[in-house]
């Protein structure tokens, strides 16, 4: 299978898999330094909810300002 964005794989329909909501911020900070002000043990779904966004891309745009 072809590698996708950020080394994520594509499913059988060609869609790039999304980051899981239970991913810890400490893991995401390795690839996205703009997330440095979030707690290491916070999960992606918790942070997205607090920030009022639905996707990691939206979160990155919001905190990148």
N, C-alpha and C. Protein backbone atom coordinates (compact mmCIF):
# COMPACT_ATOMS: atom_id res chain seq x y z
N UNK A 1 0.82 -1.18 0.00
CA UNK A 1 0.00 0.00 0.00
C UNK A 1 0.87 1.25 0.00
N UNK A 2 0.44 2.27 -0.66
CA UNK A 2 1.19 3.53 -0.73
C UNK A 2 1.13 4.26 0.60
N UNK A 3 2.25 4.88 0.96
CA UNK A 3 2.30 5.65 2.18
C UNK A 3 1.57 6.97 1.97
N UNK A 4 0.91 7.45 3.00
CA UNK A 4 0.17 8.70 2.92
C UNK A 4 0.82 9.80 3.71
N UNK A 5 0.07 10.80 3.99
CA UNK A 5 0.50 11.95 4.76
C UNK A 5 1.04 11.50 6.11
N UNK A 6 2.20 12.02 6.51
CA UNK A 6 2.81 11.70 7.81
C UNK A 6 3.00 10.20 8.01
N UNK A 7 3.31 9.49 6.94
CA UNK A 7 3.54 8.05 6.98
C UNK A 7 2.32 7.24 7.40
N UNK A 8 1.14 7.81 7.26
CA UNK A 8 -0.08 7.05 7.54
C UNK A 8 -0.45 6.27 6.30
N UNK A 9 -1.03 5.12 6.49
CA UNK A 9 -1.38 4.29 5.34
C UNK A 9 -2.76 4.65 4.81
N UNK A 10 -3.04 4.19 3.62
CA UNK A 10 -4.35 4.39 3.01
C UNK A 10 -5.16 3.11 3.16
N UNK A 11 -6.46 3.27 3.33
CA UNK A 11 -7.31 2.09 3.40
C UNK A 11 -7.61 1.58 2.00
N UNK A 12 -8.44 0.57 1.89
CA UNK A 12 -8.73 -0.03 0.58
C UNK A 12 -9.38 0.94 -0.39
N UNK A 13 -10.04 1.96 0.12
CA UNK A 13 -10.70 2.96 -0.73
C UNK A 13 -9.76 4.11 -1.09
N UNK A 14 -8.52 4.06 -0.61
CA UNK A 14 -7.56 5.09 -0.91
C UNK A 14 -7.55 6.26 0.06
N UNK A 15 -8.40 6.20 1.07
CA UNK A 15 -8.49 7.28 2.06
C UNK A 15 -7.35 7.14 3.07
N UNK A 16 -6.74 8.27 3.42
CA UNK A 16 -5.66 8.26 4.40
C UNK A 16 -6.27 8.10 5.79
N UNK A 17 -5.72 7.18 6.57
CA UNK A 17 -6.26 6.96 7.90
C UNK A 17 -5.98 8.16 8.79
N UNK A 18 -6.90 8.43 9.70
CA UNK A 18 -6.79 9.57 10.59
C UNK A 18 -6.11 9.15 11.89
N UNK A 19 -5.61 10.14 12.62
CA UNK A 19 -5.05 9.86 13.94
C UNK A 19 -6.21 9.49 14.85
N UNK A 20 -5.98 8.55 15.75
CA UNK A 20 -7.01 8.11 16.67
C UNK A 20 -7.18 9.11 17.80
N UNK A 21 -8.39 9.21 18.30
CA UNK A 21 -8.69 10.16 19.37
C UNK A 21 -7.96 9.85 20.67
N UNK A 22 -7.56 8.60 20.86
CA UNK A 22 -6.88 8.24 22.10
C UNK A 22 -5.37 8.44 22.03
N UNK A 23 -4.88 9.03 20.94
CA UNK A 23 -3.45 9.31 20.80
C UNK A 23 -3.05 10.37 21.81
N UNK A 24 -2.00 10.12 22.56
CA UNK A 24 -1.50 11.07 23.55
C UNK A 24 -0.78 12.22 22.85
N UNK A 25 -0.89 13.39 23.43
CA UNK A 25 -0.26 14.57 22.85
C UNK A 25 1.25 14.44 22.81
N UNK A 26 1.84 13.71 23.76
CA UNK A 26 3.30 13.56 23.76
C UNK A 26 3.76 12.85 22.48
N UNK A 27 2.93 11.98 21.93
CA UNK A 27 3.26 11.31 20.68
C UNK A 27 3.15 12.27 19.51
N UNK A 28 2.10 13.07 19.50
CA UNK A 28 1.89 14.02 18.40
C UNK A 28 2.92 15.14 18.39
N UNK A 29 3.41 15.52 19.55
CA UNK A 29 4.39 16.61 19.65
C UNK A 29 5.67 16.29 18.90
N UNK A 30 5.97 15.03 18.71
CA UNK A 30 7.18 14.63 17.98
C UNK A 30 7.09 15.10 16.53
N UNK A 31 5.89 15.07 15.96
CA UNK A 31 5.69 15.48 14.56
C UNK A 31 5.15 16.90 14.42
N UNK A 32 4.51 17.40 15.48
CA UNK A 32 3.86 18.71 15.42
C UNK A 32 4.29 19.55 16.62
N UNK A 33 5.43 20.23 16.53
CA UNK A 33 5.93 21.02 17.66
C UNK A 33 4.99 22.16 18.09
N UNK A 34 4.08 22.57 17.21
CA UNK A 34 3.15 23.63 17.56
C UNK A 34 2.16 23.20 18.64
N UNK A 35 2.15 21.93 18.97
CA UNK A 35 1.26 21.41 20.03
C UNK A 35 1.96 21.38 21.39
N UNK A 36 3.10 22.02 21.49
CA UNK A 36 3.93 21.93 22.69
C UNK A 36 3.26 22.42 23.98
N UNK A 37 2.28 23.30 23.88
CA UNK A 37 1.68 23.82 25.10
C UNK A 37 0.57 22.95 25.68
N UNK A 38 0.26 21.84 25.04
CA UNK A 38 -0.73 20.90 25.59
C UNK A 38 -0.03 19.88 26.47
N UNK A 39 -0.74 19.38 27.47
CA UNK A 39 -0.17 18.40 28.38
C UNK A 39 0.16 17.09 27.68
N UNK A 40 1.25 16.46 28.08
CA UNK A 40 1.68 15.22 27.45
C UNK A 40 0.66 14.10 27.55
N UNK A 41 -0.09 14.05 28.63
CA UNK A 41 -1.04 12.96 28.83
C UNK A 41 -2.43 13.27 28.30
N UNK A 42 -2.65 14.49 27.81
CA UNK A 42 -3.93 14.82 27.17
C UNK A 42 -4.08 13.98 25.92
N UNK A 43 -5.31 13.60 25.59
CA UNK A 43 -5.54 12.85 24.36
C UNK A 43 -5.99 13.80 23.25
N UNK A 44 -5.82 13.38 22.03
CA UNK A 44 -6.21 14.19 20.89
C UNK A 44 -7.70 14.53 20.96
N UNK A 45 -8.54 13.57 21.29
CA UNK A 45 -9.98 13.84 21.31
C UNK A 45 -10.33 14.87 22.38
N UNK A 46 -9.68 14.82 23.53
CA UNK A 46 -9.94 15.78 24.60
C UNK A 46 -9.53 17.19 24.17
N UNK A 47 -8.36 17.30 23.57
CA UNK A 47 -7.86 18.61 23.12
C UNK A 47 -8.74 19.16 22.01
N UNK A 48 -9.14 18.33 21.07
CA UNK A 48 -10.01 18.79 19.98
C UNK A 48 -11.33 19.31 20.54
N UNK A 49 -11.87 18.61 21.51
CA UNK A 49 -13.14 19.03 22.12
C UNK A 49 -12.97 20.37 22.84
N UNK A 50 -11.92 20.51 23.62
CA UNK A 50 -11.66 21.76 24.35
C UNK A 50 -11.45 22.94 23.40
N UNK A 51 -10.81 22.67 22.26
CA UNK A 51 -10.50 23.73 21.31
C UNK A 51 -11.64 23.99 20.33
N UNK A 52 -12.67 23.15 20.35
CA UNK A 52 -13.82 23.34 19.48
C UNK A 52 -13.55 23.03 18.02
N UNK A 53 -12.71 22.02 17.76
CA UNK A 53 -12.41 21.61 16.40
C UNK A 53 -12.73 20.12 16.24
N UNK A 54 -12.81 19.68 14.99
CA UNK A 54 -13.16 18.29 14.73
C UNK A 54 -12.01 17.44 14.23
N UNK A 55 -10.98 18.07 13.67
CA UNK A 55 -9.88 17.29 13.10
C UNK A 55 -8.53 17.80 13.59
N UNK A 56 -7.52 16.98 13.42
CA UNK A 56 -6.16 17.38 13.76
C UNK A 56 -5.74 18.56 12.88
N UNK A 57 -6.11 18.54 11.63
CA UNK A 57 -5.75 19.65 10.72
C UNK A 57 -6.34 20.97 11.22
N UNK A 58 -7.59 20.94 11.66
CA UNK A 58 -8.21 22.15 12.19
C UNK A 58 -7.49 22.62 13.45
N UNK A 59 -7.12 21.69 14.30
CA UNK A 59 -6.40 22.02 15.53
C UNK A 59 -5.07 22.68 15.21
N UNK A 60 -4.34 22.11 14.26
CA UNK A 60 -3.04 22.68 13.88
C UNK A 60 -3.19 24.08 13.33
N UNK A 61 -4.22 24.31 12.54
CA UNK A 61 -4.46 25.66 12.01
C UNK A 61 -4.78 26.63 13.12
N UNK A 62 -5.58 26.18 14.08
CA UNK A 62 -6.00 27.06 15.18
C UNK A 62 -4.82 27.43 16.09
N UNK A 63 -3.99 26.48 16.44
CA UNK A 63 -2.88 26.77 17.36
C UNK A 63 -1.68 27.36 16.64
N UNK A 64 -1.65 27.27 15.33
CA UNK A 64 -0.54 27.80 14.56
C UNK A 64 -0.61 29.31 14.34
N UNK A 65 -1.69 29.92 14.81
CA UNK A 65 -1.88 31.36 14.61
C UNK A 65 -0.91 32.17 15.44
